[in-house]
């Protein structure tokens, strides 16, 4: 079955509009079950991991303090599709964990 010509036009328009935009979204921004339901009985598990170290603060390009922020984030995301009558329901559970260390303490 071939797609309607408007599908291809919308696809090309989307590519054109995104060409000039900076791409900063992570690959894991959209998971199965976010916009389209999965098959009933299917389970998806994803693990986010993020680590960042920053220094500062800065003002006008000059470092004001010898400060640092060390941040780690983990999140476990689980979803499972169920059939309820004629509808597919996909509940999502997210378990986050975060550790943030700020030095010196007055910056916190």
Protein backbone atom coordinates (compact mmCIF):
# COMPACT_ATOMS: atom_id res chain seq x y z
CA UNK A 1 0.00 0.00 0.00
CA UNK A 2 1.56 3.31 -1.04
CA UNK A 3 1.40 6.41 1.10
CA UNK A 4 -0.67 9.46 0.17
CA UNK A 5 1.35 12.22 -1.60
CA UNK A 6 0.62 14.62 1.29
CA UNK A 7 2.62 12.30 3.58
CA UNK A 8 5.73 12.79 1.46
CA UNK A 9 5.11 16.55 1.23
CA UNK A 10 4.81 16.78 5.04
CA UNK A 11 7.96 14.69 5.45
CA UNK A 12 9.99 16.89 3.08
CA UNK A 13 8.63 20.06 4.71
CA UNK A 14 9.68 18.73 8.12
CA UNK A 15 13.19 18.00 6.86
CA UNK A 16 13.43 21.48 5.33
CA UNK A 17 12.27 23.21 8.52
CA UNK A 18 14.71 21.25 10.68
CA UNK A 19 17.69 21.86 8.42
CA UNK A 20 18.31 25.36 9.81
CA UNK A 21 17.66 24.52 13.45
CA UNK A 22 20.37 23.43 15.85
CA UNK A 23 19.86 19.84 16.89
CA UNK A 24 20.22 19.56 20.65
CA UNK A 25 17.68 16.89 21.55
CA UNK A 26 18.97 13.62 22.91
CA UNK A 27 18.41 10.43 20.98
CA UNK A 28 16.31 9.07 23.86
CA UNK A 29 13.70 11.85 23.90
CA UNK A 30 11.01 9.61 22.40
CA UNK A 31 10.44 6.06 23.57
CA UNK A 32 8.08 3.35 22.35
CA UNK A 33 4.68 3.95 23.88
CA UNK A 34 5.03 7.74 24.04
CA UNK A 35 2.88 8.58 21.01
CA UNK A 36 1.80 5.27 19.52
CA UNK A 37 0.69 2.30 21.61
CA UNK A 38 2.68 -0.89 21.58
CA UNK A 39 1.16 -4.31 21.09
CA UNK A 40 -0.68 -5.47 24.23
CA UNK A 41 1.60 -7.49 26.49
CA UNK A 42 4.80 -5.81 25.28
CA UNK A 43 7.12 -4.26 27.90
CA UNK A 44 9.82 -1.66 27.26
CA UNK A 45 12.63 -0.86 29.72
CA UNK A 46 15.00 2.10 29.27
CA UNK A 47 17.79 3.51 31.42
CA UNK A 48 18.91 7.15 31.23
CA UNK A 49 22.40 8.04 32.44
CA UNK A 50 23.65 11.65 32.57
CA UNK A 51 26.83 13.06 34.13
CA UNK A 52 27.96 16.68 34.00
CA UNK A 53 30.70 18.72 35.63
CA UNK A 54 30.62 22.53 35.48
CA UNK A 55 32.85 25.28 36.85
CA UNK A 56 32.17 28.87 37.70
CA UNK A 57 30.34 31.13 38.27
CA UNK A 58 31.42 33.52 35.51
CA UNK A 59 30.48 37.14 34.77
CA UNK A 60 31.55 38.94 31.59
CA UNK A 61 33.93 36.08 30.78
CA UNK A 62 35.75 36.26 34.14
CA UNK A 63 35.60 33.54 36.76
CA UNK A 64 34.22 34.97 40.02
CA UNK A 65 34.74 31.96 42.30
CA UNK A 66 36.52 28.64 42.13
CA UNK A 67 33.20 26.82 42.19
CA UNK A 68 32.14 23.48 40.77
CA UNK A 69 28.94 21.53 40.23
CA UNK A 70 29.08 17.77 39.74
CA UNK A 71 25.73 16.27 38.75
CA UNK A 72 24.74 12.66 38.01
CA UNK A 73 21.26 11.55 37.01
CA UNK A 74 19.93 8.03 36.48
CA UNK A 75 16.36 7.14 35.59
CA UNK A 76 14.77 3.77 34.98
CA UNK A 77 11.72 3.92 32.71
CA UNK A 78 9.35 0.97 32.30
CA UNK A 79 6.11 0.78 30.34
CA UNK A 80 3.78 -2.07 29.43
CA UNK A 81 0.83 -2.11 27.07
CA UNK A 82 -2.52 -3.56 28.15
CA UNK A 83 -5.78 -3.99 26.29
CA UNK A 84 -8.82 -2.61 28.13
CA UNK A 85 -11.86 -3.35 26.00
CA UNK A 86 -11.16 -1.80 22.58
CA UNK A 87 -8.47 0.54 23.94
CA UNK A 88 -4.75 -0.03 24.42
CA UNK A 89 -3.46 1.53 27.66
CA UNK A 90 0.28 2.04 28.24
CA UNK A 91 1.11 3.15 31.81
CA UNK A 92 4.65 4.47 32.35
CA UNK A 93 6.72 4.20 35.54
CA UNK A 94 9.87 6.31 35.99
CA UNK A 95 12.24 5.85 38.96
CA UNK A 96 14.75 8.73 39.09
CA UNK A 97 17.96 9.11 41.11
CA UNK A 98 20.03 12.30 41.28
CA UNK A 99 23.27 13.30 43.00
CA UNK A 100 24.40 16.94 42.94
CA UNK A 101 27.59 18.16 44.63
CA UNK A 102 28.19 21.92 44.79
CA UNK A 103 31.47 23.47 45.95
CA UNK A 104 31.90 25.81 47.75
CA UNK A 105 28.81 25.31 49.91
CA UNK A 106 27.61 28.97 49.68
CA UNK A 107 26.91 28.41 45.96
CA UNK A 108 24.34 25.78 46.87
